[in-house]
Amino acid sequence: MAMNSKQPRKQRKERFTAPLHRRQKHVHVLLSPDLRKEHGKRNVQVKTGDTVKIMRGDHAGLEGLVEDVDLKRCQIKVAGASNFRADGTEVPRPIHPSNIMITKLLLDDERREKSISR
């Protein structure tokens, strides 16, 4: 997925109007140093069920399971990272993939194991 332009406005437009199969590249997340050595990769596509650590923001340092990955909005929801509404209800806080790091991979799928072990 190479950018055709150097202009920031066109790069943003390309990113925000990209089809879902190309947006999967946007939700790749850094691996922890231990997983990096083990698998020989720097980042991997995040999946529901992975354990991640939040690196930036109000919930920095929190570790939890990935509850939801939203390709349309390029957001990830992590268990334990939530906000409270004015009426007291708790809602999950969406987090950008650049602000998290995978600490434990969910390797229950053969296809995922093969894609990571390349």
N, C-alpha and C. Protein backbone atom coordinates (compact mmCIF):
# COMPACT_ATOMS: atom_id res chain seq x y z
N MET A 1 0.84 -1.17 0.00
CA MET A 1 0.00 0.00 0.00
C MET A 1 0.89 1.24 0.00
N ALA A 2 1.33 1.62 -1.15
CA ALA A 2 2.18 2.78 -1.27
C ALA A 2 1.34 4.03 -1.52
N MET A 3 1.77 5.10 -0.90
CA MET A 3 1.09 6.38 -1.11
C MET A 3 1.52 6.93 -2.46
N ASN A 4 0.57 7.52 -3.16
CA ASN A 4 0.88 8.08 -4.47
C ASN A 4 1.26 9.54 -4.40
N SER A 5 1.05 10.17 -3.25
CA SER A 5 1.29 11.59 -3.13
C SER A 5 2.11 11.90 -1.88
N LYS A 6 2.81 13.02 -1.94
CA LYS A 6 3.53 13.50 -0.77
C LYS A 6 2.70 14.50 0.02
N GLN A 7 1.59 14.94 -0.56
CA GLN A 7 0.76 15.95 0.08
C GLN A 7 -0.01 15.36 1.27
N PRO A 8 0.13 15.94 2.45
CA PRO A 8 -0.55 15.42 3.63
C PRO A 8 -2.06 15.31 3.46
N ARG A 9 -2.68 16.28 2.78
CA ARG A 9 -4.14 16.21 2.63
C ARG A 9 -4.56 15.00 1.82
N LYS A 10 -3.78 14.65 0.81
CA LYS A 10 -4.11 13.48 0.00
C LYS A 10 -3.80 12.19 0.74
N GLN A 11 -2.76 12.21 1.58
CA GLN A 11 -2.45 11.03 2.38
C GLN A 11 -3.56 10.77 3.39
N ARG A 12 -4.06 11.84 4.04
CA ARG A 12 -5.17 11.68 4.99
C ARG A 12 -6.41 11.17 4.28
N LYS A 13 -6.69 11.74 3.11
CA LYS A 13 -7.86 11.31 2.35
C LYS A 13 -7.76 9.84 1.99
N GLU A 14 -6.59 9.40 1.54
CA GLU A 14 -6.37 7.99 1.19
C GLU A 14 -6.60 7.08 2.38
N ARG A 15 -6.12 7.51 3.55
CA ARG A 15 -6.26 6.70 4.76
C ARG A 15 -7.72 6.60 5.21
N PHE A 16 -8.44 7.72 5.18
CA PHE A 16 -9.81 7.74 5.69
C PHE A 16 -10.84 7.22 4.70
N THR A 17 -10.48 7.11 3.44
CA THR A 17 -11.42 6.57 2.46
C THR A 17 -11.01 5.17 1.99
N ALA A 18 -10.03 4.58 2.66
CA ALA A 18 -9.53 3.26 2.27
C ALA A 18 -10.59 2.19 2.53
N PRO A 19 -10.67 1.16 1.68
CA PRO A 19 -11.59 0.06 1.93
C PRO A 19 -11.13 -0.77 3.14
N LEU A 20 -12.05 -1.55 3.70
CA LEU A 20 -11.77 -2.28 4.94
C LEU A 20 -10.61 -3.25 4.81
N HIS A 21 -10.43 -3.87 3.65
CA HIS A 21 -9.32 -4.83 3.53
C HIS A 21 -7.97 -4.13 3.59
N ARG A 22 -7.91 -2.83 3.24
CA ARG A 22 -6.66 -2.08 3.38
C ARG A 22 -6.52 -1.48 4.77
N ARG A 23 -7.64 -1.26 5.45
CA ARG A 23 -7.61 -0.70 6.80
C ARG A 23 -7.04 -1.70 7.80
N GLN A 24 -6.99 -2.97 7.45
CA GLN A 24 -6.42 -3.97 8.35
C GLN A 24 -4.95 -3.66 8.62
N LYS A 25 -4.26 -3.06 7.65
CA LYS A 25 -2.86 -2.68 7.83
C LYS A 25 -2.74 -1.58 8.89
N HIS A 26 -3.80 -0.76 9.03
CA HIS A 26 -3.75 0.37 9.96
C HIS A 26 -3.87 -0.06 11.41
N VAL A 27 -4.35 -1.27 11.68
CA VAL A 27 -4.51 -1.73 13.05
C VAL A 27 -3.41 -2.72 13.46
N HIS A 28 -2.25 -2.61 12.84
CA HIS A 28 -1.10 -3.39 13.28
C HIS A 28 -0.54 -2.72 14.53
N VAL A 29 -0.17 -3.55 15.51
CA VAL A 29 0.25 -3.05 16.82
C VAL A 29 1.63 -3.60 17.15
N LEU A 30 2.43 -2.81 17.86
CA LEU A 30 3.77 -3.24 18.27
C LEU A 30 3.71 -4.49 19.14
N LEU A 31 4.72 -5.33 19.02
CA LEU A 31 4.87 -6.49 19.89
C LEU A 31 5.82 -6.13 21.04
N SER A 32 5.63 -6.77 22.18
CA SER A 32 6.53 -6.56 23.30
C SER A 32 7.92 -7.10 22.93
N PRO A 33 8.98 -6.63 23.59
CA PRO A 33 10.33 -7.09 23.24
C PRO A 33 10.50 -8.62 23.28
N ASP A 34 9.85 -9.30 24.24
CA ASP A 34 9.95 -10.76 24.31
C ASP A 34 9.32 -11.41 23.09
N LEU A 35 8.12 -10.95 22.71
CA LEU A 35 7.44 -11.52 21.54
C LEU A 35 8.18 -11.18 20.26
N ARG A 36 8.83 -10.02 20.22
CA ARG A 36 9.60 -9.62 19.05
C ARG A 36 10.74 -10.60 18.79
N LYS A 37 11.44 -10.97 19.86
CA LYS A 37 12.55 -11.93 19.72
C LYS A 37 12.03 -13.31 19.33
N GLU A 38 10.91 -13.69 19.94
CA GLU A 38 10.36 -15.03 19.71
C GLU A 38 9.86 -15.22 18.28
N HIS A 39 9.17 -14.20 17.74
CA HIS A 39 8.53 -14.34 16.43
C HIS A 39 9.29 -13.66 15.30
N GLY A 40 10.26 -12.81 15.63
CA GLY A 40 11.03 -12.13 14.59
C GLY A 40 10.25 -11.09 13.84
N LYS A 41 9.24 -10.52 14.46
CA LYS A 41 8.43 -9.48 13.84
C LYS A 41 8.33 -8.30 14.78
N ARG A 42 8.12 -7.12 14.22
CA ARG A 42 8.01 -5.90 15.02
C ARG A 42 6.56 -5.62 15.40
N ASN A 43 5.65 -5.84 14.46
CA ASN A 43 4.24 -5.59 14.74
C ASN A 43 3.35 -6.64 14.07
N VAL A 44 2.14 -6.77 14.60
CA VAL A 44 1.19 -7.77 14.13
C VAL A 44 -0.20 -7.16 14.17
N GLN A 45 -1.08 -7.66 13.33
CA GLN A 45 -2.46 -7.19 13.37
C GLN A 45 -3.10 -7.64 14.68
N VAL A 46 -3.72 -6.71 15.39
CA VAL A 46 -4.35 -7.01 16.67
C VAL A 46 -5.65 -7.76 16.44
N LYS A 47 -5.97 -8.66 17.37
CA LYS A 47 -7.15 -9.51 17.24
C LYS A 47 -7.88 -9.55 18.58
N THR A 48 -9.19 -9.70 18.55
CA THR A 48 -9.96 -9.83 19.78
C THR A 48 -9.45 -11.03 20.56
N GLY A 49 -9.14 -10.81 21.84
CA GLY A 49 -8.62 -11.88 22.68
C GLY A 49 -7.14 -11.73 23.00
N ASP A 50 -6.41 -10.89 22.26
CA ASP A 50 -5.02 -10.61 22.59
C ASP A 50 -4.94 -9.83 23.90
N THR A 51 -3.84 -9.99 24.61
CA THR A 51 -3.61 -9.19 25.81
C THR A 51 -2.70 -8.04 25.41
N VAL A 52 -3.12 -6.82 25.73
CA VAL A 52 -2.36 -5.63 25.34
C VAL A 52 -2.08 -4.75 26.55
N LYS A 53 -1.06 -3.91 26.39
CA LYS A 53 -0.74 -2.92 27.41
C LYS A 53 -0.90 -1.54 26.79
N ILE A 54 -1.61 -0.66 27.47
CA ILE A 54 -1.82 0.70 26.97
C ILE A 54 -0.60 1.53 27.35
N MET A 55 0.00 2.18 26.36
CA MET A 55 1.25 2.89 26.57
C MET A 55 1.07 4.40 26.76
N ARG A 56 -0.01 4.97 26.27
CA ARG A 56 -0.22 6.41 26.32
C ARG A 56 -1.64 6.72 26.79
N GLY A 57 -1.82 7.94 27.28
CA GLY A 57 -3.15 8.42 27.63
C GLY A 57 -3.49 8.21 29.10
N ASP A 58 -4.77 8.41 29.42
CA ASP A 58 -5.25 8.33 30.80
C ASP A 58 -5.10 6.94 31.39
N HIS A 59 -5.15 5.92 30.56
CA HIS A 59 -5.10 4.54 31.04
C HIS A 59 -3.73 3.91 30.83
N ALA A 60 -2.69 4.72 30.72
CA ALA A 60 -1.33 4.21 30.47
C ALA A 60 -0.91 3.23 31.56
N GLY A 61 -0.32 2.11 31.14
CA GLY A 61 0.13 1.10 32.07
C GLY A 61 -0.87 -0.01 32.31
N LEU A 62 -2.11 0.19 31.88
CA LEU A 62 -3.16 -0.81 32.08
C LEU A 62 -2.98 -1.97 31.10
N GLU A 63 -3.10 -3.19 31.60
CA GLU A 63 -3.07 -4.38 30.74
C GLU A 63 -4.45 -5.00 30.74
N GLY A 64 -4.90 -5.42 29.58
CA GLY A 64 -6.21 -6.04 29.49
C GLY A 64 -6.40 -6.74 28.16
N LEU A 65 -7.51 -7.46 28.06
CA LEU A 65 -7.85 -8.17 26.83
C LEU A 65 -8.50 -7.22 25.84
N VAL A 66 -8.26 -7.47 24.56
CA VAL A 66 -8.90 -6.70 23.51
C VAL A 66 -10.34 -7.19 23.39
N GLU A 67 -11.30 -6.29 23.57
CA GLU A 67 -12.72 -6.64 23.47
C GLU A 67 -13.24 -6.48 22.05
N ASP A 68 -12.75 -5.46 21.35
CA ASP A 68 -13.30 -5.15 20.03
C ASP A 68 -12.25 -4.42 19.20
N VAL A 69 -12.20 -4.74 17.90
CA VAL A 69 -11.34 -4.04 16.96
C VAL A 69 -12.26 -3.45 15.89
N ASP A 70 -12.25 -2.12 15.78
CA ASP A 70 -13.14 -1.43 14.84
C ASP A 70 -12.31 -0.91 13.67
N LEU A 71 -12.37 -1.62 12.54
CA LEU A 71 -11.60 -1.22 11.37
C LEU A 71 -12.12 0.07 10.76
N LYS A 72 -13.42 0.27 10.81
CA LYS A 72 -14.03 1.46 10.21
C LYS A 72 -13.49 2.73 10.85
N ARG A 73 -13.35 2.73 12.18
CA ARG A 73 -12.89 3.92 12.89
C ARG A 73 -11.43 3.82 13.34
N CYS A 74 -10.78 2.69 13.07
CA CYS A 74 -9.38 2.45 13.46
C CYS A 74 -9.22 2.62 14.97
N GLN A 75 -10.06 1.91 15.72
CA GLN A 75 -10.04 2.00 17.17
C GLN A 75 -10.07 0.61 17.78
N ILE A 76 -9.51 0.51 18.99
CA ILE A 76 -9.48 -0.75 19.71
C ILE A 76 -10.06 -0.51 21.10
N LYS A 77 -10.89 -1.44 21.56
CA LYS A 77 -11.46 -1.32 22.90
C LYS A 77 -10.84 -2.40 23.78
N VAL A 78 -10.31 -1.97 24.93
CA VAL A 78 -9.60 -2.84 25.85
C VAL A 78 -10.40 -2.97 27.14
N ALA A 79 -10.49 -4.20 27.67
CA ALA A 79 -11.19 -4.42 28.93
C ALA A 79 -10.50 -3.65 30.05
N GLY A 80 -11.26 -2.91 30.82
CA GLY A 80 -10.71 -2.13 31.93
C GLY A 80 -10.52 -0.67 31.60
N ALA A 81 -10.40 -0.34 30.33
CA ALA A 81 -10.27 1.06 29.92
C ALA A 81 -11.65 1.57 29.55
N SER A 82 -12.25 2.33 30.46
CA SER A 82 -13.60 2.81 30.20
C SER A 82 -13.80 4.18 30.82
N ASN A 83 -14.82 4.86 30.35
CA ASN A 83 -15.22 6.16 30.86
C ASN A 83 -16.63 6.05 31.43
N PHE A 84 -17.00 7.01 32.25
CA PHE A 84 -18.34 7.05 32.80
C PHE A 84 -19.10 8.22 32.18
N ARG A 85 -20.34 7.96 31.78
CA ARG A 85 -21.19 9.01 31.26
C ARG A 85 -21.79 9.81 32.41
N ALA A 86 -22.45 10.89 32.07
CA ALA A 86 -23.04 11.75 33.09
C ALA A 86 -24.11 11.01 33.90
N ASP A 87 -24.79 10.04 33.26
CA ASP A 87 -25.83 9.30 33.98
C ASP A 87 -25.27 8.12 34.77
N GLY A 88 -23.94 7.95 34.76
CA GLY A 88 -23.29 6.91 35.55
C GLY A 88 -23.02 5.62 34.83
N THR A 89 -23.47 5.48 33.58
CA THR A 89 -23.20 4.25 32.85
C THR A 89 -21.74 4.21 32.39
N GLU A 90 -21.18 3.01 32.35
CA GLU A 90 -19.79 2.82 31.97
C GLU A 90 -19.73 2.44 30.49
N VAL A 91 -18.88 3.14 29.75
CA VAL A 91 -18.72 2.85 28.32
C VAL A 91 -17.25 2.58 28.02
N PRO A 92 -16.94 1.60 27.14
CA PRO A 92 -15.54 1.32 26.81
C PRO A 92 -14.92 2.50 26.07
N ARG A 93 -13.66 2.75 26.37
CA ARG A 93 -12.95 3.88 25.76
C ARG A 93 -12.19 3.39 24.54
N PRO A 94 -12.45 3.96 23.37
CA PRO A 94 -11.69 3.56 22.18
C PRO A 94 -10.27 4.10 22.24
N ILE A 95 -9.31 3.25 21.81
CA ILE A 95 -7.90 3.60 21.86
C ILE A 95 -7.30 3.39 20.48
N HIS A 96 -6.45 4.30 20.06
CA HIS A 96 -5.80 4.19 18.76
C HIS A 96 -4.71 3.11 18.82
N PRO A 97 -4.55 2.32 17.76
CA PRO A 97 -3.57 1.21 17.76
C PRO A 97 -2.13 1.65 18.01
N SER A 98 -1.79 2.89 17.72
CA SER A 98 -0.41 3.35 17.92
C SER A 98 -0.09 3.51 19.40
N ASN A 99 -1.10 3.49 20.26
CA ASN A 99 -0.89 3.72 21.69
C ASN A 99 -0.90 2.45 22.53
N ILE A 100 -0.89 1.30 21.88
CA ILE A 100 -0.89 0.05 22.65
C ILE A 100 0.23 -0.88 22.17
N MET A 101 0.52 -1.89 23.01
CA MET A 101 1.55 -2.89 22.68
C MET A 101 1.02 -4.26 23.08
N ILE A 102 1.18 -5.24 22.20
CA ILE A 102 0.71 -6.60 22.49
C ILE A 102 1.71 -7.27 23.43
N THR A 103 1.19 -7.82 24.55
CA THR A 103 2.04 -8.52 25.50
C THR A 103 1.84 -10.04 25.44
N LYS A 104 0.66 -10.48 24.97
CA LYS A 104 0.40 -11.91 24.84
C LYS A 104 -0.51 -12.12 23.63
N LEU A 105 -0.07 -12.98 22.72
CA LEU A 105 -0.84 -13.26 21.51
C LEU A 105 -1.81 -14.41 21.71
N LEU A 106 -2.95 -14.31 21.07
CA LEU A 106 -3.92 -15.40 21.05
C LEU A 106 -3.63 -16.23 19.80
N LEU A 107 -3.06 -17.41 19.98
CA LEU A 107 -2.66 -18.25 18.84
C LEU A 107 -3.56 -19.47 18.72
N ASP A 108 -4.87 -19.26 18.71
CA ASP A 108 -5.80 -20.38 18.61
C ASP A 108 -6.12 -20.73 17.16
N ASP A 109 -5.63 -19.94 16.23
CA ASP A 109 -5.96 -20.13 14.83
C ASP A 109 -4.69 -20.53 14.06
N GLU A 110 -4.79 -21.56 13.22
CA GLU A 110 -3.64 -22.02 12.43
C GLU A 110 -3.13 -20.94 11.49
N ARG A 111 -4.07 -20.22 10.88
CA ARG A 111 -3.68 -19.19 9.91
C ARG A 111 -2.88 -18.08 10.58
N ARG A 112 -3.28 -17.74 11.80
CA ARG A 112 -2.56 -16.68 12.50
C ARG A 112 -1.16 -17.15 12.91
N GLU A 113 -1.06 -18.39 13.35
CA GLU A 113 0.25 -18.92 13.72
C GLU A 113 1.21 -18.88 12.54
N LYS A 114 0.71 -19.27 11.37
CA LYS A 114 1.56 -19.28 10.17
C LYS A 114 1.96 -17.87 9.77
N SER A 115 1.02 -16.90 9.85
CA SER A 115 1.33 -15.54 9.43
C SER A 115 2.32 -14.87 10.37
N ILE A 116 2.33 -15.27 11.64
CA ILE A 116 3.24 -14.66 12.60
C ILE A 116 4.61 -15.32 12.54
N SER A 117 4.65 -16.60 12.25
CA SER A 117 5.92 -17.33 12.29
C SER A 117 6.71 -17.25 10.99
N ARG A 118 6.30 -16.40 10.06
CA ARG A 118 7.05 -16.29 8.78
C ARG A 118 8.43 -15.82 8.97
